[in-house]
Amino acid sequence: MPSEQEALAAIIAGLAAAVGTDCGLGKTVKFAIAGAGPAYIDARIVPNTVTESDAPADCTLAISLENFRKLVDGKANPAVLFMTGKLKVSGDTTIAMKLAPLLKR
């Protein structure tokens, strides 16, 4: 089992690949991943960046590492995670809805 630091590095790399240089989101998003740490997407700038920053974001999604893995592997539905309290969204919720196609890349 990878350490928290290794898990976060893998998450950052995976998100960076999914986001690419210009995902068209135009906002900032932070994944607060319990068991790994923060992953911050800055899509206001081109090229978009994905870092371990814990900066304030337009939308923050709080989720466990286990459920994050299920989400990006397509084994969990984001709406079900949200309705069951396993995914908490704060800030601009419309941004969260636009993330689903990005995570499937």
Protein backbone atom coordinates (compact mmCIF):
# COMPACT_ATOMS: atom_id res chain seq x y z
CA MET A 1 0.00 0.00 0.00
CA PRO A 2 1.48 3.38 -0.99
CA SER A 3 2.24 6.03 1.61
CA GLU A 4 0.10 9.17 1.81
CA GLN A 5 2.83 11.10 -0.01
CA GLU A 6 3.00 8.50 -2.81
CA ALA A 7 -0.80 8.40 -3.06
CA LEU A 8 -0.97 12.19 -3.36
CA ALA A 9 1.79 12.25 -5.99
CA ALA A 10 -0.17 9.70 -8.04
CA ILE A 11 -3.37 11.74 -7.64
CA ILE A 12 -1.61 14.94 -8.74
CA ALA A 13 -0.17 13.19 -11.80
CA GLY A 14 -3.52 11.65 -12.71
CA LEU A 15 -5.40 14.94 -12.32
CA ALA A 16 -2.75 16.80 -14.34
CA ALA A 17 -3.14 14.28 -17.17
CA ALA A 18 -6.95 14.57 -17.04
CA VAL A 19 -6.95 18.37 -16.90
CA GLY A 20 -4.31 18.83 -19.58
CA THR A 21 -3.12 22.29 -20.52
CA ASP A 22 -6.57 23.88 -20.90
CA CYS A 23 -9.61 22.01 -19.60
CA GLY A 24 -11.82 25.04 -20.17
CA LEU A 25 -13.04 25.18 -16.57
CA GLY A 26 -11.68 28.67 -15.90
CA LYS A 27 -11.91 28.22 -12.11
CA THR A 28 -9.99 26.77 -9.18
CA VAL A 29 -10.87 23.45 -7.56
CA LYS A 30 -9.47 21.80 -4.47
CA PHE A 31 -9.84 18.14 -3.60
CA ALA A 32 -9.43 17.77 0.17
CA ILE A 33 -8.58 14.08 0.21
CA ALA A 34 -8.58 12.52 3.67
CA GLY A 35 -5.67 10.10 3.84
CA ALA A 36 -3.65 11.87 1.14
CA GLY A 37 -3.87 15.67 1.32
CA PRO A 38 -5.00 18.51 -0.92
CA ALA A 39 -4.89 18.50 -4.71
CA TYR A 40 -5.45 21.95 -6.23
CA ILE A 41 -6.42 22.58 -9.85
CA ASP A 42 -5.88 26.11 -11.14
CA ALA A 43 -7.71 26.30 -14.44
CA ARG A 44 -7.77 30.12 -14.47
CA ILE A 45 -4.38 30.11 -16.12
CA VAL A 46 -3.16 28.38 -19.25
CA PRO A 47 -1.48 26.00 -19.01
CA ASN A 48 -3.66 24.71 -16.18
CA THR A 49 -1.74 23.52 -13.12
CA VAL A 50 -2.32 20.80 -10.55
CA THR A 51 -0.41 21.11 -7.29
CA GLU A 52 -0.49 20.09 -3.63
CA SER A 53 -1.58 23.60 -2.64
CA ASP A 54 -4.09 24.07 0.16
CA ALA A 55 -5.11 27.51 -1.15
CA PRO A 56 -8.72 28.70 -1.15
CA ALA A 57 -10.63 27.54 -4.25
CA ASP A 58 -13.82 28.38 -6.09
CA CYS A 59 -15.02 24.86 -5.29
CA THR A 60 -13.74 22.42 -2.68
CA LEU A 61 -14.56 18.73 -2.69
CA ALA A 62 -13.90 16.75 0.50
CA ILE A 63 -13.60 13.00 0.04
CA SER A 64 -11.71 10.03 1.48
CA LEU A 65 -8.81 8.53 -0.43
CA GLU A 66 -10.74 5.27 -0.83
CA ASN A 67 -13.78 7.00 -2.32
CA PHE A 68 -11.62 9.25 -4.52
CA ARG A 69 -10.02 6.16 -6.02
CA LYS A 70 -13.46 4.62 -6.64
CA LEU A 71 -14.61 7.87 -8.23
CA VAL A 72 -11.73 8.15 -10.70
CA ASP A 73 -11.84 4.42 -11.46
CA GLY A 74 -15.51 4.75 -12.42
CA LYS A 75 -16.58 2.44 -9.60
CA ALA A 76 -18.52 5.14 -7.75
CA ASN A 77 -21.14 7.59 -8.95
CA PRO A 78 -20.38 11.18 -7.82
CA ALA A 79 -24.09 11.91 -7.24
CA VAL A 80 -24.45 8.86 -5.00
CA LEU A 81 -21.28 9.78 -3.09
CA PHE A 82 -22.68 13.29 -2.60
CA MET A 83 -26.15 12.14 -1.52
CA THR A 84 -24.68 9.66 0.98
CA GLY A 85 -22.36 12.28 2.49
CA LYS A 86 -19.19 10.61 1.25
CA LEU A 87 -18.43 13.59 -1.01
CA LYS A 88 -18.91 17.08 0.40
CA VAL A 89 -18.93 20.10 -1.87
CA SER A 90 -18.44 23.67 -0.75
CA GLY A 91 -18.31 26.79 -2.87
CA ASP A 92 -19.60 26.84 -6.44
CA THR A 93 -21.37 23.50 -6.91
CA THR A 94 -21.76 24.02 -10.67
CA ILE A 95 -17.99 23.58 -10.95
CA ALA A 96 -18.25 20.19 -9.25
CA MET A 97 -20.76 19.06 -11.87
CA LYS A 98 -18.36 20.05 -14.65
CA LEU A 99 -15.59 17.90 -13.15
CA ALA A 100 -17.18 14.52 -13.83
CA PRO A 101 -16.21 14.43 -17.54
CA LEU A 102 -12.67 15.53 -16.66
CA LEU A 103 -12.19 12.72 -14.17
CA LYS A 104 -13.23 10.13 -16.76
CA ARG A 105 -10.38 11.07 -19.11
